[in-house]
Amino acid sequence: MNIEKLADREIDEALESLDGWEQAEGRSAIQKSFKFKDFNEAWSFMTRVALLAEKMNHHPEWSNVYNRVDITLTTHDVVGVSERDIKMATKLERYR
């Protein structure tokens, strides 16, 4: 499978349909902070994301503090954002 790094313009176009996602500052990545009612909801979301990441073989950079989950997506093979990141971000919106 040939994975290509997206141009900034392509990333911006994709982000228009992804609520709350933005380009990360200082690197080619996209990011979003998800907020939940409490830790249990945040942890449940992370569990669903972990299963998705394994299925897609594409793993996010993330952190969790109580009811917040911060996710950064980038494709390390191309040192930047690829279509894989956009697809994962799209799926994560449905997992919310």
Protein backbone atom coordinates (compact mmCIF):
# COMPACT_ATOMS: atom_id res chain seq x y z
CA MET A 1 0.00 0.00 0.00
CA ASN A 2 1.48 3.32 -1.09
CA ILE A 3 0.95 6.01 1.53
CA GLU A 4 1.57 9.63 0.58
CA LYS A 5 1.93 12.74 2.71
CA LEU A 6 -0.90 15.22 2.14
CA ALA A 7 -0.19 18.82 1.19
CA ASP A 8 -1.28 21.55 3.64
CA ARG A 9 -4.08 22.52 1.25
CA GLU A 10 -5.40 18.94 1.21
CA ILE A 11 -5.25 18.78 5.01
CA ASP A 12 -7.12 22.09 5.33
CA GLU A 13 -9.83 20.85 2.97
CA ALA A 14 -10.26 17.64 4.94
CA LEU A 15 -10.39 19.51 8.26
CA GLU A 16 -13.35 21.58 7.04
CA SER A 17 -15.56 18.51 7.53
CA LEU A 18 -13.97 17.42 10.84
CA ASP A 19 -15.42 19.39 13.74
CA GLY A 20 -12.79 20.62 16.18
CA TRP A 21 -9.79 19.09 14.44
CA GLU A 22 -6.89 21.39 13.59
CA GLN A 23 -3.37 21.24 12.25
CA ALA A 24 -0.82 20.81 15.02
CA GLU A 25 1.60 23.66 15.47
CA GLY A 26 5.19 23.03 14.44
CA ARG A 27 4.68 19.67 12.74
CA SER A 28 2.65 17.89 10.11
CA ALA A 29 -0.12 16.39 12.26
CA ILE A 30 -3.76 16.96 13.14
CA GLN A 31 -5.13 17.15 16.66
CA LYS A 32 -8.26 17.42 18.74
CA SER A 33 -9.17 17.54 22.42
CA PHE A 34 -12.23 15.45 23.32
CA LYS A 35 -14.11 16.23 26.54
CA PHE A 36 -16.42 13.83 28.34
CA LYS A 37 -18.73 13.82 31.35
CA ASP A 38 -16.21 12.00 33.53
CA PHE A 39 -13.19 9.70 33.58
CA ASN A 40 -15.26 6.57 32.87
CA GLU A 41 -16.61 8.05 29.64
CA ALA A 42 -13.14 9.18 28.60
CA TRP A 43 -11.68 5.76 29.33
CA SER A 44 -14.49 4.01 27.43
CA PHE A 45 -13.76 6.22 24.42
CA MET A 46 -10.05 5.37 24.64
CA THR A 47 -10.88 1.66 24.72
CA ARG A 48 -12.96 1.97 21.54
CA VAL A 49 -10.19 3.99 19.88
CA ALA A 50 -7.58 1.38 20.87
CA LEU A 51 -9.60 -1.37 19.20
CA LEU A 52 -10.04 0.77 16.09
CA ALA A 53 -6.32 1.60 16.01
CA GLU A 54 -5.43 -2.09 16.10
CA LYS A 55 -7.93 -2.87 13.34
CA MET A 56 -6.58 -0.02 11.17
CA ASN A 57 -2.94 -0.68 12.20
CA HIS A 58 -2.67 3.06 12.74
CA HIS A 59 -2.06 4.27 16.27
CA PRO A 60 -2.68 7.75 17.67
CA GLU A 61 -0.51 9.80 19.95
CA TRP A 62 -2.73 10.56 22.92
CA SER A 63 -2.99 11.58 26.52
CA ASN A 64 -5.75 11.50 29.10
CA VAL A 65 -6.42 13.75 32.07
CA TYR A 66 -9.64 12.94 33.92
CA ASN A 67 -12.44 13.72 31.41
CA ARG A 68 -10.24 14.94 28.54
CA VAL A 69 -8.53 12.91 25.82
CA ASP A 70 -6.07 14.74 23.56
CA ILE A 71 -5.37 12.99 20.28
CA THR A 72 -2.74 13.75 17.66
CA LEU A 73 -2.67 11.90 14.37
CA THR A 74 0.28 11.68 12.01
CA THR A 75 1.67 8.97 9.76
CA HIS A 76 5.21 8.26 10.86
CA ASP A 77 6.04 6.42 7.60
CA VAL A 78 5.64 9.68 5.64
CA VAL A 79 6.55 12.07 8.47
CA GLY A 80 3.26 13.89 8.13
CA VAL A 81 -0.48 13.69 7.64
CA SER A 82 -1.79 11.09 5.21
CA GLU A 83 -5.21 9.87 4.18
CA ARG A 84 -4.93 7.30 7.00
CA ASP A 85 -5.05 10.13 9.55
CA ILE A 86 -8.08 11.72 7.92
CA LYS A 87 -9.89 8.36 7.85
CA MET A 88 -9.10 7.74 11.50
CA ALA A 89 -10.22 11.23 12.54
CA THR A 90 -13.48 10.70 10.64
CA LYS A 91 -14.07 7.40 12.44
CA LEU A 92 -13.22 8.92 15.83
CA GLU A 93 -16.00 11.47 15.35
CA ARG A 94 -18.47 8.56 15.20
CA TYR A 95 -16.98 6.95 18.32
CA ARG A 96 -17.64 10.08 20.36
